[in-house]
Amino acid sequence: MKTGGSLAWPVGGLPRLLSSGQYPLAPDDFKRVYLGRTHALHVHAYAGEIRIGAHHYVLHPGDLTISPAGQPSCYRLAVTGRHWCVHFRPAQPCGDCVVLPLHLPLGGRRAHVIDRLKHITRYHNHPAPTEAGRSVVRGVAAASFQELLLWLSYSFAHAVPREGATRLQKALDELVVKLEDELSSPLRVTALARTAGLNQNYLARQFRARFGMTIQRYVFLRRMEQAKNLLVNTHLPVKSIAVHVGYPDPQHFNKAFRRAVGMCPSAFRREAEHVAGRGWRTAGGMAEWENRGF
């Protein structure tokens, strides 16, 4: 029996959800075979084993599995357990695909995934009084599930394959949240490492390994993205935007923005207004809008 396996999943389009919820699973010893007429995602709350086609996995509480359509699955389970389950089908093939592993230990990501599954289930099973309303809430569920699948693919691709990965993964996730919350504050890597409970050099190496850039570069790019958003979508003065994204010195902000975008903040705002005024929703306007990083 093999332990690998993955499913190619289209980035574009929304899946069709057939069912979503939390269900019991009776004790079994690979006797009951599920035919796999649709894709199925499970988050298991029990220990056991699962066979998906030619692949075999040992299950621990919090593990996620995906059973692709066309591949039968069966379980070995000592006592009755429960799992979250979503049966789904893809939209029509649409461009690029991501890779979803058939087995993914969630570790510290378990709470987030279950929270999303509760959200998806609530909308998928919502008793909307009209057909139009039903389409809307099911669309919300499908969009949320697609987001979850893409996030799982990214999360798997950037997992840390080493002992103690769960603690490090959690520390990096919490660090990113902290950086987002404190973009307007001075960046002090020493204090960040102390808060994360990690050695400063080790934290810096692991951050770069996961995100492909230094902490300083990440903060710089996020500040510039936030500044662009504020320049385009608000009437705040440039000086106020500079302070909001962590640059109390306007001249320092202007130099940093010019280095990142290729023009000063005021010119960026004028060009955004010019493109929008010409009707950027046209094909040519949209292309220019996107090329300028709007």
C-alpha atoms as a PDB file:
ATOM      1  CA  MET A   1       0.000   0.000   0.000  1.00  0.00           C
ATOM      2  CA  LYS A   2       1.275   3.486  -0.883  1.00  0.00           C
ATOM      3  CA  THR A   3       1.139   6.494   1.443  1.00  0.00           C
ATOM      4  CA  GLY A   4       1.451   9.281  -1.144  1.00  0.00           C
ATOM      5  CA  GLY A   5      -1.255  10.559  -3.436  1.00  0.00           C
ATOM      6  CA  SER A   6      -2.762  13.874  -4.427  1.00  0.00           C
ATOM      7  CA  LEU A   7      -5.648  15.456  -6.292  1.00  0.00           C
ATOM      8  CA  ALA A   8      -5.248  18.167  -8.935  1.00  0.00           C
ATOM      9  CA  TRP A   9      -7.851  20.851  -8.268  1.00  0.00           C
ATOM     10  CA  PRO A  10      -8.778  23.766 -10.592  1.00  0.00           C
ATOM     11  CA  VAL A  11      -8.059  27.249  -9.265  1.00  0.00           C
ATOM     12  CA  GLY A  12     -10.907  28.821 -11.234  1.00  0.00           C
ATOM     13  CA  GLY A  13     -14.621  28.207 -10.849  1.00  0.00           C
ATOM     14  CA  LEU A  14     -16.657  27.101  -7.852  1.00  0.00           C
ATOM     15  CA  PRO A  15     -17.193  23.511  -6.753  1.00  0.00           C
ATOM     16  CA  ARG A  16     -20.629  21.959  -6.526  1.00  0.00           C
ATOM     17  CA  LEU A  17     -21.299  20.852  -2.954  1.00  0.00           C
ATOM     18  CA  LEU A  18     -23.595  17.862  -2.535  1.00  0.00           C
ATOM     19  CA  SER A  19     -23.488  17.526   1.249  1.00  0.00           C
ATOM     20  CA  SER A  20     -21.695  19.055   4.210  1.00  0.00           C
ATOM     21  CA  GLY A  21     -21.856  18.220   7.898  1.00  0.00           C
ATOM     22  CA  GLN A  22     -20.573  16.140  10.792  1.00  0.00           C
ATOM     23  CA  TYR A  23     -21.400  12.438  10.635  1.00  0.00           C
ATOM     24  CA  PRO A  24     -20.803   9.269  12.700  1.00  0.00           C
ATOM     25  CA  LEU A  25     -18.677   6.392  11.450  1.00  0.00           C
ATOM     26  CA  ALA A  26     -19.286   2.891  12.814  1.00  0.00           C
ATOM     27  CA  PRO A  27     -16.468   0.524  13.834  1.00  0.00           C
ATOM     28  CA  ASP A  28     -15.084  -1.317  10.815  1.00  0.00           C
ATOM     29  CA  ASP A  29     -12.188  -3.445   9.619  1.00  0.00           C
ATOM     30  CA  PHE A  30     -11.994  -2.476   5.944  1.00  0.00           C
ATOM     31  CA  LYS A  31     -15.231  -4.386   5.281  1.00  0.00           C
ATOM     32  CA  ARG A  32     -17.502  -1.517   4.192  1.00  0.00           C
ATOM     33  CA  VAL A  33     -16.354   0.004   0.899  1.00  0.00           C
ATOM     34  CA  TYR A  34     -17.417   3.513  -0.133  1.00  0.00           C
ATOM     35  CA  LEU A  35     -17.633   3.736  -3.908  1.00  0.00           C
ATOM     36  CA  GLY A  36     -16.307   7.260  -4.357  1.00  0.00           C
ATOM     37  CA  ARG A  37     -18.770   8.636  -6.906  1.00  0.00           C
ATOM     38  CA  THR A  38     -17.835  12.175  -5.823  1.00  0.00           C
ATOM     39  CA  HIS A  39     -14.818  13.764  -4.176  1.00  0.00           C
ATOM     40  CA  ALA A  40     -15.026  13.676  -0.375  1.00  0.00           C
ATOM     41  CA  LEU A  41     -13.121  15.741   2.199  1.00  0.00           C
ATOM     42  CA  HIS A  42     -12.998  14.475   5.796  1.00  0.00           C
ATOM     43  CA  VAL A  43     -11.564  15.866   9.019  1.00  0.00           C
ATOM     44  CA  HIS A  44     -11.303  12.919  11.395  1.00  0.00           C
ATOM     45  CA  ALA A  45     -11.916  13.113  15.148  1.00  0.00           C
ATOM     46  CA  TYR A  46     -10.627   9.593  15.808  1.00  0.00           C
ATOM     47  CA  ALA A  47      -7.626   7.316  15.440  1.00  0.00           C
ATOM     48  CA  GLY A  48      -7.730   4.570  12.838  1.00  0.00           C
ATOM     49  CA  GLU A  49      -6.694   3.767   9.281  1.00  0.00           C
ATOM     50  CA  ILE A  50      -8.067   4.560   5.838  1.00  0.00           C
ATOM     51  CA  ARG A  51      -7.470   3.137   2.382  1.00  0.00           C
ATOM     52  CA  ILE A  52      -8.120   5.414  -0.584  1.00  0.00           C
ATOM     53  CA  GLY A  53      -7.663   3.496  -3.803  1.00  0.00           C
ATOM     54  CA  ALA A  54      -4.119   2.118  -3.659  1.00  0.00           C
ATOM     55  CA  HIS A  55      -3.095   4.454  -0.828  1.00  0.00           C
ATOM     56  CA  HIS A  56      -3.057   3.636   2.878  1.00  0.00           C
ATOM     57  CA  TYR A  57      -2.888   6.125   5.751  1.00  0.00           C
ATOM     58  CA  VAL A  58      -2.775   5.935   9.527  1.00  0.00           C
ATOM     59  CA  LEU A  59      -5.255   8.434  10.970  1.00  0.00           C
ATOM     60  CA  HIS A  60      -4.895  10.592  14.065  1.00  0.00           C
ATOM     61  CA  PRO A  61      -7.477  13.001  15.487  1.00  0.00           C
ATOM     62  CA  GLY A  62      -7.299  16.194  13.446  1.00  0.00           C
ATOM     63  CA  ASP A  63      -6.093  14.563  10.218  1.00  0.00           C
ATOM     64  CA  LEU A  64      -7.691  15.619   6.943  1.00  0.00           C
ATOM     65  CA  THR A  65      -8.168  13.290   3.991  1.00  0.00           C
ATOM     66  CA  ILE A  66      -9.512  13.712   0.471  1.00  0.00           C
ATOM     67  CA  SER A  67     -11.004  10.733  -1.354  1.00  0.00           C
ATOM     68  CA  PRO A  68     -11.072  11.469  -5.111  1.00  0.00           C
ATOM     69  CA  ALA A  69     -14.040  10.448  -7.214  1.00  0.00           C
ATOM     70  CA  GLY A  70     -13.495   7.052  -8.815  1.00  0.00           C
ATOM     71  CA  GLN A  71     -11.339   5.715  -5.994  1.00  0.00           C
ATOM     72  CA  PRO A  72     -13.042   3.433  -3.427  1.00  0.00           C
ATOM     73  CA  SER A  73     -12.261   3.996   0.248  1.00  0.00           C
ATOM     74  CA  CYS A  74     -12.619   1.937   3.426  1.00  0.00           C
ATOM     75  CA  TYR A  75     -11.746   2.274   7.123  1.00  0.00           C
ATOM     76  CA  ARG A  76     -10.329   0.406  10.075  1.00  0.00           C
ATOM     77  CA  LEU A  77     -11.855   1.861  13.227  1.00  0.00           C
ATOM     78  CA  ALA A  78     -12.051   0.260  16.690  1.00  0.00           C
ATOM     79  CA  VAL A  79     -14.926   2.341  18.105  1.00  0.00           C
ATOM     80  CA  THR A  80     -17.592   4.639  16.696  1.00  0.00           C
ATOM     81  CA  GLY A  81     -16.132   8.002  15.705  1.00  0.00           C
ATOM     82  CA  ARG A  82     -17.276  11.209  14.066  1.00  0.00           C
ATOM     83  CA  HIS A  83     -15.865  13.248  11.220  1.00  0.00           C
ATOM     84  CA  TRP A  84     -16.610  16.360   9.263  1.00  0.00           C
ATOM     85  CA  CYS A  85     -17.463  15.467   5.684  1.00  0.00           C
ATOM     86  CA  VAL A  86     -18.039  17.412   2.467  1.00  0.00           C
ATOM     87  CA  HIS A  87     -18.975  15.663  -0.781  1.00  0.00           C
ATOM     88  CA  PHE A  88     -18.223  17.799  -3.795  1.00  0.00           C
ATOM     89  CA  ARG A  89     -17.596  17.926  -7.520  1.00  0.00           C
ATOM     90  CA  PRO A  90     -15.368  20.335  -9.450  1.00  0.00           C
ATOM     91  CA  ALA A  91     -16.529  23.039 -11.802  1.00  0.00           C
ATOM     92  CA  GLN A  92     -15.577  22.549 -15.420  1.00  0.00           C
ATOM     93  CA  PRO A  93     -11.762  22.364 -15.799  1.00  0.00           C
ATOM     94  CA  CYS A  94     -10.559  25.936 -15.709  1.00  0.00           C
ATOM     95  CA  GLY A  95      -6.928  26.870 -16.302  1.00  0.00           C
ATOM     96  CA  ASP A  96      -4.331  26.290 -13.618  1.00  0.00           C
ATOM     97  CA  CYS A  97      -4.603  23.631 -10.937  1.00  0.00           C
ATOM     98  CA  VAL A  98      -3.234  23.289  -7.420  1.00  0.00           C
ATOM     99  CA  VAL A  99      -2.202  20.075  -5.677  1.00  0.00           C
ATOM    100  CA  LEU A 100      -4.226  18.760  -2.752  1.00  0.00           C
ATOM    101  CA  PRO A 101      -2.646  15.921  -0.733  1.00  0.00           C
ATOM    102  CA  LEU A 102      -4.915  12.972   0.007  1.00  0.00           C
ATOM    103  CA  HIS A 103      -3.726  12.994   3.618  1.00  0.00           C
ATOM    104  CA  LEU A 104      -2.819  16.117   5.587  1.00  0.00           C
ATOM    105  CA  PRO A 105      -2.166  16.228   9.366  1.00  0.00           C
ATOM    106  CA  LEU A 106      -3.625  19.613  10.292  1.00  0.00           C
ATOM    107  CA  GLY A 107      -1.846  20.128  13.601  1.00  0.00           C
ATOM    108  CA  GLY A 108      -2.336  23.730  14.680  1.00  0.00           C
ATOM    109  CA  ARG A 109      -4.481  24.390  11.600  1.00  0.00           C
ATOM    110  CA  ARG A 110      -7.234  22.060  12.810  1.00  0.00           C
ATOM    111  CA  ALA A 111      -9.282  24.707  14.642  1.00  0.00           C
ATOM    112  CA  HIS A 112      -9.248  27.023  11.620  1.00  0.00           C
ATOM    113  CA  VAL A 113     -10.334  24.252   9.230  1.00  0.00           C
ATOM    114  CA  ILE A 114     -13.168  23.084  11.482  1.00  0.00           C
ATOM    115  CA  ASP A 115     -14.339  26.660  11.905  1.00  0.00           C
ATOM    116  CA  ARG A 116     -14.478  27.023   8.109  1.00  0.00           C
ATOM    117  CA  LEU A 117     -16.339  23.715   7.761  1.00  0.00           C
ATOM    118  CA  LYS A 118     -18.932  24.888  10.286  1.00  0.00           C
ATOM    119  CA  HIS A 119     -19.356  28.083   8.252  1.00  0.00           C
ATOM    120  CA  ILE A 120     -19.661  26.124   4.993  1.00  0.00           C
ATOM    121  CA  THR A 121     -22.158  23.667   6.488  1.00  0.00           C
ATOM    122  CA  ARG A 122     -24.283  26.436   7.964  1.00  0.00           C
ATOM    123  CA  TYR A 123     -24.684  28.114   4.571  1.00  0.00           C
ATOM    124  CA  HIS A 124     -24.980  24.937   2.496  1.00  0.00           C
ATOM    125  CA  ASN A 125     -27.829  23.658   4.685  1.00  0.00           C
ATOM    126  CA  HIS A 126     -29.480  27.036   5.266  1.00  0.00           C
ATOM    127  CA  PRO A 127     -33.273  26.788   4.666  1.00  0.00           C
ATOM    128  CA  ALA A 128     -33.661  29.872   2.489  1.00  0.00           C
ATOM    129  CA  PRO A 129     -37.339  30.555   1.755  1.00  0.00           C
ATOM    130  CA  THR A 130     -36.917  31.146  -1.999  1.00  0.00           C
ATOM    131  CA  GLU A 131     -35.033  29.453  -4.805  1.00  0.00           C
ATOM    132  CA  ALA A 132     -33.070  32.627  -5.453  1.00  0.00           C
ATOM    133  CA  GLY A 133     -32.093  32.821  -1.790  1.00  0.00           C
ATOM    134  CA  ARG A 134     -31.120  29.168  -1.847  1.00  0.00           C
ATOM    135  CA  SER A 135     -28.797  29.832  -4.780  1.00  0.00           C
ATOM    136  CA  VAL A 136     -27.160  32.691  -2.902  1.00  0.00           C
ATOM    137  CA  VAL A 137     -26.452  30.784   0.329  1.00  0.00           C
ATOM    138  CA  ARG A 138     -25.215  27.752  -1.592  1.00  0.00           C
ATOM    139  CA  GLY A 139     -22.980  30.073  -3.586  1.00  0.00           C
ATOM    140  CA  VAL A 140     -21.542  31.401  -0.317  1.00  0.00           C
ATOM    141  CA  ALA A 141     -20.863  27.821   0.824  1.00  0.00           C
ATOM    142  CA  ALA A 142     -19.222  26.888  -2.486  1.00  0.00           C
ATOM    143  CA  ALA A 143     -17.042  30.001  -2.524  1.00  0.00           C
ATOM    144  CA  SER A 144     -15.966  29.389   1.083  1.00  0.00           C
ATOM    145  CA  PHE A 145     -15.130  25.766   0.298  1.00  0.00           C
ATOM    146  CA  GLN A 146     -13.078  26.749  -2.752  1.00  0.00           C
ATOM    147  CA  GLU A 147     -11.165  29.215  -0.581  1.00  0.00           C
ATOM    148  CA  LEU A 148     -10.528  26.464   1.968  1.00  0.00           C
ATOM    149  CA  LEU A 149      -9.193  24.069  -0.692  1.00  0.00           C
ATOM    150  CA  LEU A 150      -6.815  26.679  -2.099  1.00  0.00           C
ATOM    151  CA  TRP A 151      -5.641  27.578   1.409  1.00  0.00           C
ATOM    152  CA  LEU A 152      -5.035  23.908   2.202  1.00  0.00           C
ATOM    153  CA  SER A 153      -2.956  23.511  -0.953  1.00  0.00           C
ATOM    154  CA  TYR A 154      -0.847  26.544  -0.091  1.00  0.00           C
ATOM    155  CA  SER A 155      -0.556  25.502   3.539  1.00  0.00           C
ATOM    156  CA  PHE A 156       0.590  22.016   2.555  1.00  0.00           C
ATOM    157  CA  ALA A 157       3.131  23.354   0.069  1.00  0.00           C
ATOM    158  CA  HIS A 158       4.642  25.607   2.756  1.00  0.00           C
ATOM    159  CA  ALA A 159       4.499  23.137   5.645  1.00  0.00           C
ATOM    160  CA  VAL A 160       7.677  22.675   7.664  1.00  0.00           C
ATOM    161  CA  PRO A 161       8.699  18.993   7.271  1.00  0.00           C
ATOM    162  CA  ARG A 162      10.545  18.451  10.534  1.00  0.00           C
ATOM    163  CA  GLU A 163      10.001  17.383  14.119  1.00  0.00           C
ATOM    164  CA  GLY A 164       8.430  20.206  16.067  1.00  0.00           C
ATOM    165  CA  ALA A 165       6.867  21.641  12.914  1.00  0.00           C
ATOM    166  CA  THR A 166       3.528  22.274  14.605  1.00  0.00           C
ATOM    167  CA  ARG A 167       5.031  24.670  17.157  1.00  0.00           C
ATOM    168  CA  LEU A 168       7.064  26.472  14.499  1.00  0.00           C
ATOM    169  CA  GLN A 169       4.109  26.647  12.115  1.00  0.00           C
ATOM    170  CA  LYS A 170       1.967  28.153  14.847  1.00  0.00           C
ATOM    171  CA  ALA A 171       4.697  30.638  15.777  1.00  0.00           C
ATOM    172  CA  LEU A 172       5.055  31.798  12.163  1.00  0.00           C
ATOM    173  CA  ASP A 173       1.284  32.067  11.686  1.00  0.00           C
ATOM    174  CA  GLU A 174       0.984  34.126  14.860  1.00  0.00           C
ATOM    175  CA  LEU A 175       3.929  36.278  13.794  1.00  0.00           C
ATOM    176  CA  VAL A 176       2.250  37.138  10.465  1.00  0.00           C
ATOM    177  CA  VAL A 177      -0.935  38.129  12.320  1.00  0.00           C
ATOM    178  CA  LYS A 178       1.113  40.303  14.673  1.00  0.00           C
ATOM    179  CA  LEU A 179       2.946  41.952  11.787  1.00  0.00           C
ATOM    180  CA  GLU A 180      -0.381  42.743  10.078  1.00  0.00           C
ATOM    181  CA  ASP A 181      -1.767  44.217  13.296  1.00  0.00           C
ATOM    182  CA  GLU A 182       1.317  46.360  13.896  1.00  0.00           C
ATOM    183  CA  LEU A 183       2.283  47.578  10.419  1.00  0.00           C
ATOM    184  CA  SER A 184       2.252  51.152  11.696  1.00  0.00           C
ATOM    185  CA  SER A 185       4.634  50.308  14.567  1.00  0.00           C
ATOM    186  CA  PRO A 186       8.438  50.209  14.377  1.00  0.00           C
ATOM    187  CA  LEU A 187       9.751  46.794  13.347  1.00  0.00           C
ATOM    188  CA  ARG A 188      11.857  45.151  16.070  1.00  0.00           C
ATOM    189  CA  VAL A 189      12.827  41.595  15.115  1.00  0.00           C
ATOM    190  CA  THR A 190      14.396  40.994  18.530  1.00  0.00           C
ATOM    191  CA  ALA A 191      11.082  41.709  20.260  1.00  0.00           C
ATOM    192  CA  LEU A 192       9.194  39.573  17.728  1.00  0.00           C
ATOM    193  CA  ALA A 193      11.506  36.626  18.349  1.00  0.00           C
ATOM    194  CA  ARG A 194      11.110  37.027  22.112  1.00  0.00           C
ATOM    195  CA  THR A 195       7.314  37.061  21.761  1.00  0.00           C
ATOM    196  CA  ALA A 196       7.438  33.946  19.559  1.00  0.00           C
ATOM    197  CA  GLY A 197       9.760  32.214  22.035  1.00  0.00           C
ATOM    198  CA  LEU A 198      12.356  31.551  19.333  1.00  0.00           C
ATOM    199  CA  ASN A 199      15.963  32.486  18.727  1.00  0.00           C
ATOM    200  CA  GLN A 200      16.155  35.593  16.548  1.00  0.00           C
ATOM    201  CA  ASN A 201      18.436  34.052  13.901  1.00  0.00           C
ATOM    202  CA  TYR A 202      16.404  30.835  13.833  1.00  0.00           C
ATOM    203  CA  LEU A 203      13.156  32.793  13.426  1.00  0.00           C
ATOM    204  CA  ALA A 204      14.650  34.843  10.603  1.00  0.00           C
ATOM    205  CA  ARG A 205      15.854  31.709   8.754  1.00  0.00           C
ATOM    206  CA  GLN A 206      12.538  29.885   9.126  1.00  0.00           C
ATOM    207  CA  PHE A 207      10.497  32.921   8.082  1.00  0.00           C
ATOM    208  CA  ARG A 208      12.588  33.261   4.935  1.00  0.00           C
ATOM    209  CA  ALA A 209      12.330  29.524   4.213  1.00  0.00           C
ATOM    210  CA  ARG A 210       8.546  29.650   4.409  1.00  0.00           C
ATOM    211  CA  PHE A 211       7.774  32.999   2.752  1.00  0.00           C
ATOM    212  CA  GLY A 212      10.771  33.403   0.433  1.00  0.00           C
ATOM    213  CA  MET A 213      11.792  36.776   1.915  1.00  0.00           C
ATOM    214  CA  THR A 214      13.095  38.350   5.099  1.00  0.00           C
ATOM    215  CA  ILE A 215      10.773  39.690   7.801  1.00  0.00           C
ATOM    216  CA  GLN A 216      11.896  43.215   6.920  1.00  0.00           C
ATOM    217  CA  ARG A 217      11.079  42.694   3.236  1.00  0.00           C
ATOM    218  CA  TYR A 218       7.668  41.215   4.088  1.00  0.00           C
ATOM    219  CA  VAL A 219       6.778  44.208   6.267  1.00  0.00           C
ATOM    220  CA  PHE A 220       8.016  46.634   3.597  1.00  0.00           C
ATOM    221  CA  LEU A 221       5.889  45.043   0.866  1.00  0.00           C
ATOM    222  CA  ARG A 222       2.795  44.860   3.074  1.00  0.00           C
ATOM    223  CA  ARG A 223       3.192  48.509   4.043  1.00  0.00           C
ATOM    224  CA  MET A 224       3.437  49.489   0.385  1.00  0.00           C
ATOM    225  CA  GLU A 225       0.358  47.423  -0.520  1.00  0.00           C
ATOM    226  CA  GLN A 226      -1.592  49.064   2.278  1.00  0.00           C
ATOM    227  CA  ALA A 227      -0.375  52.495   1.205  1.00  0.00           C
ATOM    228  CA  LYS A 228      -1.493  51.873  -2.403  1.00  0.00           C
ATOM    229  CA  ASN A 229      -4.910  50.785  -1.190  1.00  0.00           C
ATOM    230  CA  LEU A 230      -5.315  53.919   0.933  1.00  0.00           C
ATOM    231  CA  LEU A 231      -4.124  56.179  -1.882  1.00  0.00           C
ATOM    232  CA  VAL A 232      -6.647  54.709  -4.310  1.00  0.00           C
ATOM    233  CA  ASN A 233      -9.633  54.204  -2.004  1.00  0.00           C
ATOM    234  CA  THR A 234      -9.470  57.132   0.446  1.00  0.00           C
ATOM    235  CA  HIS A 235      -8.949  60.892   0.444  1.00  0.00           C
ATOM    236  CA  LEU A 236      -6.487  60.758   3.328  1.00  0.00           C
ATOM    237  CA  PRO A 237      -3.517  63.121   2.942  1.00  0.00           C
ATOM    238  CA  VAL A 238      -0.270  61.445   1.962  1.00  0.00           C
ATOM    239  CA  LYS A 239       1.248  62.428   5.316  1.00  0.00           C
ATOM    240  CA  SER A 240      -1.540  60.627   7.183  1.00  0.00           C
ATOM    241  CA  ILE A 241      -1.148  57.534   5.012  1.00  0.00           C
ATOM    242  CA  ALA A 242       2.598  57.559   5.702  1.00  0.00           C
ATOM    243  CA  VAL A 243       1.983  57.498   9.458  1.00  0.00           C
ATOM    244  CA  HIS A 244      -0.728  54.848   9.070  1.00  0.00           C
ATOM    245  CA  VAL A 245       1.721  52.443   7.392  1.00  0.00           C
ATOM    246  CA  GLY A 246       4.614  53.044   9.752  1.00  0.00           C
ATOM    247  CA  TYR A 247       6.486  56.009   8.257  1.00  0.00           C
ATOM    248  CA  PRO A 248       6.224  59.057  10.568  1.00  0.00           C
ATOM    249  CA  ASP A 249       8.750  60.850   8.324  1.00  0.00           C
ATOM    250  CA  PRO A 250       6.939  61.765   5.042  1.00  0.00           C
ATOM    251  CA  GLN A 251      10.210  62.062   3.116  1.00  0.00           C
ATOM    252  CA  HIS A 252      11.222  58.556   4.183  1.00  0.00           C
ATOM    253  CA  PHE A 253       7.815  57.299   3.062  1.00  0.00           C
ATOM    254  CA  ASN A 254       8.105  59.037  -0.324  1.00  0.00           C
ATOM    255  CA  LYS A 255      11.518  57.455  -0.948  1.00  0.00           C
ATOM    256  CA  ALA A 256      10.312  54.002   0.122  1.00  0.00           C
ATOM    257  CA  PHE A 257       7.162  54.249  -2.010  1.00  0.00           C
ATOM    258  CA  ARG A 258       9.094  55.438  -5.044  1.00  0.00           C
ATOM    259  CA  ARG A 259      11.521  52.530  -4.614  1.00  0.00           C
ATOM    260  CA  ALA A 260       8.658  50.033  -4.481  1.00  0.00           C
ATOM    261  CA  VAL A 261       6.294  51.445  -7.117  1.00  0.00           C
ATOM    262  CA  GLY A 262       8.441  53.588  -9.384  1.00  0.00           C
ATOM    263  CA  MET A 263       6.629  56.877  -8.688  1.00  0.00           C
ATOM    264  CA  CYS A 264       5.856  59.106  -5.728  1.00  0.00           C
ATOM    265  CA  PRO A 265       2.585  58.593  -3.782  1.00  0.00           C
ATOM    266  CA  SER A 266       0.915  61.724  -5.204  1.00  0.00           C
ATOM    267  CA  ALA A 267       1.663  60.673  -8.781  1.00  0.00           C
ATOM    268  CA  PHE A 268       0.359  57.186  -8.043  1.00  0.00           C
ATOM    269  CA  ARG A 269      -2.912  58.629  -6.730  1.00  0.00           C
ATOM    270  CA  ARG A 270      -3.280  60.957  -9.750  1.00  0.00           C
ATOM    271  CA  GLU A 271      -2.712  58.111 -12.179  1.00  0.00           C
ATOM    272  CA  ALA A 272      -5.223  55.932 -10.340  1.00  0.00           C
ATOM    273  CA  GLU A 273      -7.815  58.696 -10.576  1.00  0.00           C
ATOM    274  CA  HIS A 274      -6.990  59.193 -14.266  1.00  0.00           C
ATOM    275  CA  VAL A 275      -7.386  55.509 -15.109  1.00  0.00           C
ATOM    276  CA  ALA A 276     -10.615  55.288 -13.102  1.00  0.00           C
ATOM    277  CA  GLY A 277     -11.964  58.402 -14.791  1.00  0.00           C
ATOM    278  CA  ARG A 278     -11.359  56.897 -18.239  1.00  0.00           C
ATOM    279  CA  GLY A 279     -13.460  53.878 -17.340  1.00  0.00           C
ATOM    280  CA  TRP A 280     -11.005  51.259 -16.095  1.00  0.00           C
ATOM    281  CA  ARG A 281     -13.652  48.557 -16.364  1.00  0.00           C
ATOM    282  CA  THR A 282     -12.911  48.278 -20.064  1.00  0.00           C
ATOM    283  CA  ALA A 283     -10.443  45.577 -21.074  1.00  0.00           C
ATOM    284  CA  GLY A 284      -7.625  48.011 -21.807  1.00  0.00           C
ATOM    285  CA  GLY A 285      -8.258  50.051 -18.680  1.00  0.00           C
ATOM    286  CA  MET A 286      -8.342  46.975 -16.476  1.00  0.00           C
ATOM    287  CA  ALA A 287      -5.037  45.766 -17.892  1.00  0.00           C
ATOM    288  CA  GLU A 288      -3.424  49.123 -17.149  1.00  0.00           C
ATOM    289  CA  TRP A 289      -4.953  49.148 -13.672  1.00  0.00           C
ATOM    290  CA  GLU A 290      -3.545  45.692 -12.899  1.00  0.00           C
ATOM    291  CA  ASN A 291      -0.143  46.378 -14.435  1.00  0.00           C
ATOM    292  CA  ARG A 292       0.285  49.401 -12.162  1.00  0.00           C
ATOM    293  CA  GLY A 293      -0.496  47.298  -9.121  1.00  0.00           C
ATOM    294  CA  PHE A 294      -3.863  48.809  -8.328  1.00  0.00           C
END
